[in-house]
Amino acid sequence: MPLRRIFHVSLAIPTSLGLFSVPAFATTYVQGTYNTNVTWTLAESPFVIQSTLSIASGATLTIEPAVIVKFGQSGNTDKIDVLGTLLVLGTSGQHVTFTSLEDDSIGGDTGGDGPTQGAPGQWKSINVWGFASFLYTDIRYGGAGSSDTQ
């Protein structure tokens, strides 16, 4: 399946009282397989995993500080499979967060479905068969199908 990206950007909206500010989050939807090196930046965040995102052997996905990754577009089966390399480069002041699409507490209402909250098991997993490094990373509401989804 080819990689697909769709961008959505929120902007300031003029009103009779001046400008009404809406957080400027871009949303990037991803699925398929990365066969070459790719970097996810804050400007494109949050990233929404649709079904499965695979990182092929020999390829590297680098995730920069403060990036938000959300799962759950396809229900609780969304996941990342790492056969190559995954580098998650959060910092002490700018963590990278992996969470549910329902978790509006970070990145806002990415799903566009009104106020929702994350809950354990809303997405599946990050499977590593290659190499992964997680620096200053928060992982929330995953583990669907496991016996312990806390």
N, C-alpha and C. Protein backbone atom coordinates (compact mmCIF):
# COMPACT_ATOMS: atom_id res chain seq x y z
N MET A 1 0.86 -1.17 0.00
CA MET A 1 0.00 0.00 0.00
C MET A 1 0.90 1.24 0.00
N PRO A 2 0.69 2.19 -0.87
CA PRO A 2 1.55 3.38 -0.93
C PRO A 2 1.32 4.30 0.27
N LEU A 3 2.35 5.04 0.61
CA LEU A 3 2.27 6.02 1.68
C LEU A 3 1.36 7.16 1.26
N ARG A 4 0.48 7.59 2.19
CA ARG A 4 -0.47 8.66 1.87
C ARG A 4 -0.40 9.71 2.96
N ARG A 5 -0.29 10.97 2.57
CA ARG A 5 -0.27 12.08 3.51
C ARG A 5 -1.37 13.06 3.15
N ILE A 6 -2.10 13.49 4.16
CA ILE A 6 -3.14 14.50 3.98
C ILE A 6 -2.90 15.55 5.05
N PHE A 7 -2.90 16.82 4.68
CA PHE A 7 -2.63 17.88 5.63
C PHE A 7 -3.89 18.68 5.92
N HIS A 8 -4.09 19.04 7.18
CA HIS A 8 -5.16 19.94 7.60
C HIS A 8 -4.52 20.99 8.48
N VAL A 9 -4.83 22.25 8.27
CA VAL A 9 -4.26 23.33 9.07
C VAL A 9 -5.39 24.21 9.59
N SER A 10 -5.33 24.54 10.88
CA SER A 10 -6.29 25.48 11.46
C SER A 10 -5.68 26.87 11.43
N LEU A 11 -6.48 27.88 11.15
CA LEU A 11 -5.99 29.25 11.02
C LEU A 11 -6.78 30.19 11.91
N ALA A 12 -6.28 31.42 12.07
CA ALA A 12 -7.03 32.45 12.77
C ALA A 12 -8.22 32.85 11.91
N ILE A 13 -9.38 33.02 12.54
CA ILE A 13 -10.61 33.32 11.82
C ILE A 13 -11.04 34.74 12.15
N PRO A 14 -11.21 35.62 11.14
CA PRO A 14 -11.66 36.98 11.42
C PRO A 14 -13.11 36.99 11.89
N THR A 15 -13.40 37.78 12.92
CA THR A 15 -14.76 37.95 13.40
C THR A 15 -14.99 39.44 13.62
N SER A 16 -16.20 39.81 13.96
CA SER A 16 -16.49 41.22 14.21
C SER A 16 -15.76 41.75 15.45
N LEU A 17 -15.26 40.84 16.30
CA LEU A 17 -14.53 41.24 17.50
C LEU A 17 -13.02 41.15 17.31
N GLY A 18 -12.58 40.97 16.11
CA GLY A 18 -11.15 40.83 15.85
C GLY A 18 -10.87 39.41 15.36
N LEU A 19 -9.71 38.89 15.72
CA LEU A 19 -9.34 37.54 15.30
C LEU A 19 -9.64 36.55 16.40
N PHE A 20 -10.23 35.44 16.03
CA PHE A 20 -10.46 34.34 16.94
C PHE A 20 -9.36 33.33 16.66
N SER A 21 -8.49 33.08 17.61
CA SER A 21 -7.36 32.18 17.40
C SER A 21 -7.77 30.73 17.60
N VAL A 22 -7.40 29.93 16.65
CA VAL A 22 -7.58 28.48 16.72
C VAL A 22 -6.17 27.90 16.67
N PRO A 23 -5.84 26.92 17.55
CA PRO A 23 -4.49 26.36 17.52
C PRO A 23 -4.12 25.91 16.11
N ALA A 24 -2.91 26.24 15.69
CA ALA A 24 -2.46 25.93 14.34
C ALA A 24 -1.77 24.57 14.32
N PHE A 25 -2.56 23.52 14.43
CA PHE A 25 -2.02 22.17 14.32
C PHE A 25 -2.24 21.70 12.89
N ALA A 26 -1.18 21.22 12.27
CA ALA A 26 -1.32 20.52 10.99
C ALA A 26 -1.62 19.08 11.38
N THR A 27 -2.30 18.35 10.54
CA THR A 27 -2.52 16.93 10.79
C THR A 27 -2.03 16.18 9.58
N THR A 28 -1.19 15.19 9.82
CA THR A 28 -0.64 14.38 8.74
C THR A 28 -1.08 12.94 8.96
N TYR A 29 -1.83 12.38 8.01
CA TYR A 29 -2.29 11.00 8.09
C TYR A 29 -1.28 10.11 7.37
N VAL A 30 -0.88 9.03 8.02
CA VAL A 30 0.14 8.15 7.43
C VAL A 30 -0.27 6.69 7.53
N GLN A 31 0.13 5.94 6.53
CA GLN A 31 -0.03 4.50 6.49
C GLN A 31 0.88 3.97 5.40
N GLY A 32 1.03 2.68 5.34
CA GLY A 32 1.87 2.08 4.31
C GLY A 32 3.26 1.79 4.83
N THR A 33 4.26 1.86 3.94
CA THR A 33 5.62 1.48 4.28
C THR A 33 6.60 2.57 3.90
N TYR A 34 7.47 2.92 4.85
CA TYR A 34 8.61 3.79 4.54
C TYR A 34 9.77 2.91 4.11
N ASN A 35 10.23 3.10 2.87
CA ASN A 35 11.37 2.36 2.34
C ASN A 35 12.63 3.21 2.33
N THR A 36 12.49 4.51 2.60
CA THR A 36 13.63 5.43 2.66
C THR A 36 13.56 6.18 3.99
N ASN A 37 14.60 6.93 4.28
CA ASN A 37 14.66 7.68 5.53
C ASN A 37 13.66 8.84 5.50
N VAL A 38 12.95 9.03 6.63
CA VAL A 38 11.92 10.06 6.75
C VAL A 38 12.05 10.70 8.12
N THR A 39 11.79 12.02 8.18
CA THR A 39 11.79 12.74 9.47
C THR A 39 10.43 13.38 9.66
N TRP A 40 9.84 13.16 10.85
CA TRP A 40 8.59 13.81 11.21
C TRP A 40 8.92 15.04 12.04
N THR A 41 8.36 16.19 11.66
CA THR A 41 8.64 17.46 12.33
C THR A 41 7.40 17.97 13.07
N LEU A 42 7.63 18.88 13.99
CA LEU A 42 6.55 19.49 14.74
C LEU A 42 5.58 20.22 13.81
N ALA A 43 6.09 20.83 12.76
CA ALA A 43 5.24 21.59 11.83
C ALA A 43 4.17 20.72 11.17
N GLU A 44 4.42 19.41 11.05
CA GLU A 44 3.47 18.49 10.42
C GLU A 44 2.62 17.72 11.44
N SER A 45 2.87 17.97 12.70
CA SER A 45 2.25 17.23 13.80
C SER A 45 0.86 17.78 14.13
N PRO A 46 -0.06 16.95 14.61
CA PRO A 46 0.11 15.54 14.95
C PRO A 46 0.05 14.63 13.72
N PHE A 47 0.68 13.48 13.85
CA PHE A 47 0.63 12.44 12.84
C PHE A 47 -0.42 11.43 13.28
N VAL A 48 -1.28 11.02 12.37
CA VAL A 48 -2.31 10.04 12.68
C VAL A 48 -2.02 8.77 11.89
N ILE A 49 -1.78 7.68 12.63
CA ILE A 49 -1.52 6.39 12.01
C ILE A 49 -2.85 5.78 11.58
N GLN A 50 -2.94 5.43 10.31
CA GLN A 50 -4.14 4.77 9.77
C GLN A 50 -3.78 3.33 9.47
N SER A 51 -4.30 2.41 10.24
CA SER A 51 -4.04 0.99 10.08
C SER A 51 -2.62 0.67 10.53
N THR A 52 -1.72 0.36 9.59
CA THR A 52 -0.35 0.00 9.95
C THR A 52 0.63 0.89 9.21
N LEU A 53 1.62 1.39 9.94
CA LEU A 53 2.76 2.07 9.34
C LEU A 53 3.95 1.16 9.55
N SER A 54 4.65 0.80 8.47
CA SER A 54 5.83 -0.05 8.55
C SER A 54 7.06 0.75 8.18
N ILE A 55 8.14 0.49 8.90
CA ILE A 55 9.45 1.06 8.57
C ILE A 55 10.29 -0.11 8.08
N ALA A 56 10.59 -0.13 6.80
CA ALA A 56 11.27 -1.26 6.17
C ALA A 56 12.71 -1.38 6.64
N SER A 57 13.25 -2.56 6.54
CA SER A 57 14.65 -2.81 6.84
C SER A 57 15.51 -1.87 5.99
N GLY A 58 16.46 -1.20 6.61
CA GLY A 58 17.32 -0.26 5.91
C GLY A 58 16.81 1.17 5.92
N ALA A 59 15.57 1.39 6.34
CA ALA A 59 14.98 2.73 6.41
C ALA A 59 14.94 3.20 7.86
N THR A 60 14.97 4.53 8.05
CA THR A 60 14.91 5.12 9.38
C THR A 60 13.80 6.16 9.43
N LEU A 61 12.96 6.07 10.46
CA LEU A 61 12.00 7.12 10.77
C LEU A 61 12.52 7.84 12.00
N THR A 62 12.77 9.16 11.84
CA THR A 62 13.22 10.01 12.94
C THR A 62 12.06 10.91 13.33
N ILE A 63 11.73 10.94 14.63
CA ILE A 63 10.65 11.78 15.12
C ILE A 63 11.26 12.86 16.00
N GLU A 64 11.06 14.12 15.61
CA GLU A 64 11.68 15.25 16.30
C GLU A 64 10.94 15.60 17.60
N PRO A 65 11.57 16.42 18.47
CA PRO A 65 10.96 16.80 19.74
C PRO A 65 9.59 17.44 19.57
N ALA A 66 8.70 17.17 20.54
CA ALA A 66 7.35 17.74 20.66
C ALA A 66 6.34 17.21 19.65
N VAL A 67 6.73 16.27 18.81
CA VAL A 67 5.79 15.69 17.84
C VAL A 67 4.78 14.82 18.58
N ILE A 68 3.53 14.85 18.10
CA ILE A 68 2.44 14.04 18.63
C ILE A 68 2.07 13.01 17.58
N VAL A 69 1.96 11.75 18.00
CA VAL A 69 1.55 10.66 17.11
C VAL A 69 0.28 10.06 17.70
N LYS A 70 -0.79 10.03 16.89
CA LYS A 70 -2.07 9.50 17.37
C LYS A 70 -2.47 8.27 16.56
N PHE A 71 -3.07 7.31 17.26
CA PHE A 71 -3.54 6.07 16.67
C PHE A 71 -5.04 5.95 16.92
N GLY A 72 -5.73 5.17 16.11
CA GLY A 72 -7.14 4.90 16.34
C GLY A 72 -8.03 5.28 15.19
N GLN A 73 -7.46 5.75 14.10
CA GLN A 73 -8.24 6.08 12.91
C GLN A 73 -8.98 4.84 12.41
N SER A 74 -8.37 3.67 12.57
CA SER A 74 -8.95 2.41 12.09
C SER A 74 -9.44 1.55 13.24
N GLY A 75 -9.74 2.16 14.37
CA GLY A 75 -10.12 1.39 15.54
C GLY A 75 -8.89 0.99 16.33
N ASN A 76 -8.99 -0.06 17.11
CA ASN A 76 -7.89 -0.41 18.00
C ASN A 76 -6.87 -1.36 17.37
N THR A 77 -6.77 -1.36 16.05
CA THR A 77 -5.80 -2.22 15.37
C THR A 77 -4.61 -1.44 14.82
N ASP A 78 -4.60 -0.12 14.98
CA ASP A 78 -3.51 0.70 14.43
C ASP A 78 -2.20 0.43 15.14
N LYS A 79 -1.11 0.39 14.36
CA LYS A 79 0.19 0.05 14.94
C LYS A 79 1.32 0.54 14.05
N ILE A 80 2.53 0.49 14.62
CA ILE A 80 3.77 0.73 13.87
C ILE A 80 4.59 -0.55 13.95
N ASP A 81 5.07 -1.01 12.80
CA ASP A 81 5.98 -2.16 12.73
C ASP A 81 7.35 -1.64 12.30
N VAL A 82 8.35 -1.87 13.14
CA VAL A 82 9.70 -1.38 12.89
C VAL A 82 10.60 -2.55 12.49
N LEU A 83 10.94 -2.62 11.21
CA LEU A 83 11.91 -3.61 10.74
C LEU A 83 13.25 -2.93 10.52
N GLY A 84 13.23 -1.63 10.31
CA GLY A 84 14.44 -0.82 10.16
C GLY A 84 14.77 -0.15 11.47
N THR A 85 14.75 1.21 11.48
CA THR A 85 15.14 1.98 12.66
C THR A 85 14.10 3.04 12.96
N LEU A 86 13.76 3.17 14.25
CA LEU A 86 12.88 4.22 14.74
C LEU A 86 13.65 5.01 15.78
N LEU A 87 13.84 6.32 15.52
CA LEU A 87 14.54 7.20 16.46
C LEU A 87 13.55 8.25 16.95
N VAL A 88 13.20 8.18 18.22
CA VAL A 88 12.25 9.12 18.83
C VAL A 88 13.06 10.06 19.69
N LEU A 89 13.19 11.32 19.26
CA LEU A 89 14.16 12.25 19.83
C LEU A 89 13.52 13.34 20.68
N GLY A 90 12.70 12.95 21.65
CA GLY A 90 12.16 13.92 22.58
C GLY A 90 13.27 14.51 23.43
N THR A 91 12.98 15.64 24.06
CA THR A 91 13.91 16.27 24.99
C THR A 91 13.22 16.43 26.34
N SER A 92 13.95 16.83 27.36
CA SER A 92 13.34 16.97 28.68
C SER A 92 12.23 18.01 28.68
N GLY A 93 12.31 19.00 27.83
CA GLY A 93 11.28 20.03 27.76
C GLY A 93 10.25 19.83 26.66
N GLN A 94 10.52 18.90 25.75
CA GLN A 94 9.62 18.66 24.61
C GLN A 94 9.53 17.16 24.33
N HIS A 95 8.69 16.50 25.10
CA HIS A 95 8.50 15.06 24.92
C HIS A 95 7.80 14.77 23.60
N VAL A 96 8.06 13.60 23.04
CA VAL A 96 7.27 13.06 21.94
C VAL A 96 6.16 12.24 22.60
N THR A 97 4.94 12.32 22.06
CA THR A 97 3.82 11.60 22.64
C THR A 97 3.17 10.69 21.61
N PHE A 98 3.01 9.41 21.98
CA PHE A 98 2.22 8.44 21.22
C PHE A 98 0.94 8.25 22.02
N THR A 99 -0.22 8.47 21.39
CA THR A 99 -1.48 8.41 22.13
C THR A 99 -2.63 8.03 21.21
N SER A 100 -3.80 7.99 21.78
CA SER A 100 -5.02 7.67 21.05
C SER A 100 -5.57 8.89 20.31
N LEU A 101 -6.22 8.67 19.20
CA LEU A 101 -6.90 9.73 18.47
C LEU A 101 -7.97 10.37 19.35
N GLU A 102 -8.51 9.62 20.30
CA GLU A 102 -9.54 10.13 21.21
C GLU A 102 -8.97 11.04 22.31
N ASP A 103 -7.66 11.08 22.46
CA ASP A 103 -7.01 11.86 23.51
C ASP A 103 -6.89 13.32 23.07
N ASP A 104 -7.90 14.12 23.40
CA ASP A 104 -7.91 15.53 23.01
C ASP A 104 -7.06 16.40 23.94
N SER A 105 -6.50 15.82 25.00
CA SER A 105 -5.72 16.61 25.95
C SER A 105 -4.38 17.05 25.37
N ILE A 106 -3.94 16.43 24.31
CA ILE A 106 -2.71 16.81 23.64
C ILE A 106 -2.96 16.86 22.13
N GLY A 107 -2.64 17.98 21.51
CA GLY A 107 -2.85 18.13 20.07
C GLY A 107 -4.27 18.51 19.70
N GLY A 108 -5.16 18.64 20.68
CA GLY A 108 -6.53 19.07 20.41
C GLY A 108 -7.40 17.97 19.84
N ASP A 109 -8.52 18.37 19.26
CA ASP A 109 -9.52 17.45 18.72
C ASP A 109 -9.11 17.03 17.31
N THR A 110 -8.07 16.23 17.22
CA THR A 110 -7.53 15.79 15.94
C THR A 110 -8.56 15.02 15.13
N GLY A 111 -9.40 14.25 15.81
CA GLY A 111 -10.41 13.45 15.12
C GLY A 111 -11.60 14.25 14.63
N GLY A 112 -11.73 15.51 15.09
CA GLY A 112 -12.82 16.36 14.66
C GLY A 112 -14.19 15.88 15.09
N ASP A 113 -14.24 15.14 16.21
CA ASP A 113 -15.50 14.55 16.65
C ASP A 113 -15.99 15.12 17.98
N GLY A 114 -15.54 16.33 18.32
CA GLY A 114 -15.94 16.92 19.59
C GLY A 114 -15.10 16.38 20.73
N PRO A 115 -15.36 16.83 21.94
CA PRO A 115 -14.55 16.45 23.09
C PRO A 115 -14.57 14.93 23.35
N THR A 116 -13.39 14.33 23.38
CA THR A 116 -13.25 12.91 23.69
C THR A 116 -12.04 12.72 24.58
N GLN A 117 -12.00 11.58 25.27
CA GLN A 117 -10.89 11.25 26.16
C GLN A 117 -10.28 9.93 25.75
N GLY A 118 -8.99 9.81 26.01
CA GLY A 118 -8.32 8.56 25.75
C GLY A 118 -8.68 7.53 26.81
N ALA A 119 -8.53 6.25 26.43
CA ALA A 119 -8.75 5.14 27.36
C ALA A 119 -7.81 4.00 26.96
N PRO A 120 -7.41 3.18 27.92
CA PRO A 120 -6.51 2.07 27.60
C PRO A 120 -7.04 1.19 26.48
N GLY A 121 -6.13 0.76 25.60
CA GLY A 121 -6.48 -0.17 24.53
C GLY A 121 -7.08 0.43 23.29
N GLN A 122 -6.98 1.75 23.09
CA GLN A 122 -7.57 2.37 21.91
C GLN A 122 -6.70 2.25 20.66
N TRP A 123 -5.48 1.79 20.81
CA TRP A 123 -4.64 1.48 19.66
C TRP A 123 -3.80 0.26 20.02
N LYS A 124 -3.17 -0.34 19.04
CA LYS A 124 -2.55 -1.64 19.28
C LYS A 124 -1.13 -1.59 19.82
N SER A 125 -0.12 -1.22 18.98
CA SER A 125 1.24 -1.45 19.43
C SER A 125 2.29 -0.75 18.58
N ILE A 126 3.50 -0.74 19.11
CA ILE A 126 4.71 -0.41 18.36
C ILE A 126 5.56 -1.67 18.45
N ASN A 127 5.71 -2.38 17.34
CA ASN A 127 6.44 -3.65 17.31
C ASN A 127 7.83 -3.40 16.74
N VAL A 128 8.86 -3.81 17.46
CA VAL A 128 10.23 -3.55 17.02
C VAL A 128 10.95 -4.87 16.76
N TRP A 129 11.29 -5.09 15.49
CA TRP A 129 12.12 -6.22 15.10
C TRP A 129 13.49 -5.74 14.65
N GLY A 130 13.60 -4.45 14.36
CA GLY A 130 14.87 -3.84 13.98
C GLY A 130 15.47 -3.15 15.20
N PHE A 131 15.56 -1.80 15.14
CA PHE A 131 16.14 -1.03 16.23
C PHE A 131 15.25 0.16 16.53
N ALA A 132 15.09 0.47 17.82
CA ALA A 132 14.33 1.66 18.22
C ALA A 132 14.98 2.29 19.43
N SER A 133 14.96 3.62 19.47
CA SER A 133 15.46 4.39 20.60
C SER A 133 14.40 5.42 20.94
N PHE A 134 13.97 5.44 22.21
CA PHE A 134 12.93 6.36 22.67
C PHE A 134 13.53 7.27 23.74
N LEU A 135 13.70 8.56 23.42
CA LEU A 135 14.18 9.54 24.38
C LEU A 135 13.03 10.46 24.76
N TYR A 136 12.78 10.62 26.04
CA TYR A 136 11.72 11.52 26.53
C TYR A 136 10.43 11.32 25.74
N THR A 137 9.86 10.13 25.90
CA THR A 137 8.68 9.74 25.14
C THR A 137 7.56 9.34 26.08
N ASP A 138 6.36 9.85 25.84
CA ASP A 138 5.17 9.46 26.58
C ASP A 138 4.33 8.55 25.68
N ILE A 139 3.94 7.40 26.21
CA ILE A 139 3.12 6.45 25.46
C ILE A 139 1.85 6.23 26.25
N ARG A 140 0.71 6.59 25.63
CA ARG A 140 -0.59 6.56 26.31
C ARG A 140 -1.61 5.71 25.54
N TYR A 141 -2.43 4.99 26.25
CA TYR A 141 -3.67 4.37 25.78
C TYR A 141 -3.51 3.31 24.70
N GLY A 142 -2.35 2.67 24.60
CA GLY A 142 -2.15 1.59 23.65
C GLY A 142 -2.42 0.24 24.28
N GLY A 143 -2.01 -0.81 23.58
CA GLY A 143 -2.08 -2.16 24.13
C GLY A 143 -3.32 -2.94 23.82
N ALA A 144 -4.09 -2.57 22.80
CA ALA A 144 -5.30 -3.32 22.48
C ALA A 144 -4.97 -4.79 22.24
N GLY A 145 -5.75 -5.65 22.82
CA GLY A 145 -5.56 -7.10 22.64
C GLY A 145 -4.60 -7.71 23.64
N SER A 146 -3.95 -6.90 24.46
CA SER A 146 -3.05 -7.47 25.47
C SER A 146 -3.82 -7.67 26.77
N SER A 147 -3.20 -8.38 27.69
CA SER A 147 -3.87 -8.61 28.97
C SER A 147 -3.71 -7.44 29.92
N ASP A 148 -2.78 -6.51 29.63
CA ASP A 148 -2.55 -5.36 30.50
C ASP A 148 -2.44 -4.10 29.65
N THR A 149 -3.50 -3.32 29.60
CA THR A 149 -3.52 -2.13 28.75
C THR A 149 -3.39 -0.85 29.54
N GLN A 150 -2.84 -0.90 30.73
CA GLN A 150 -2.72 0.30 31.56
C GLN A 150 -1.59 1.18 31.09
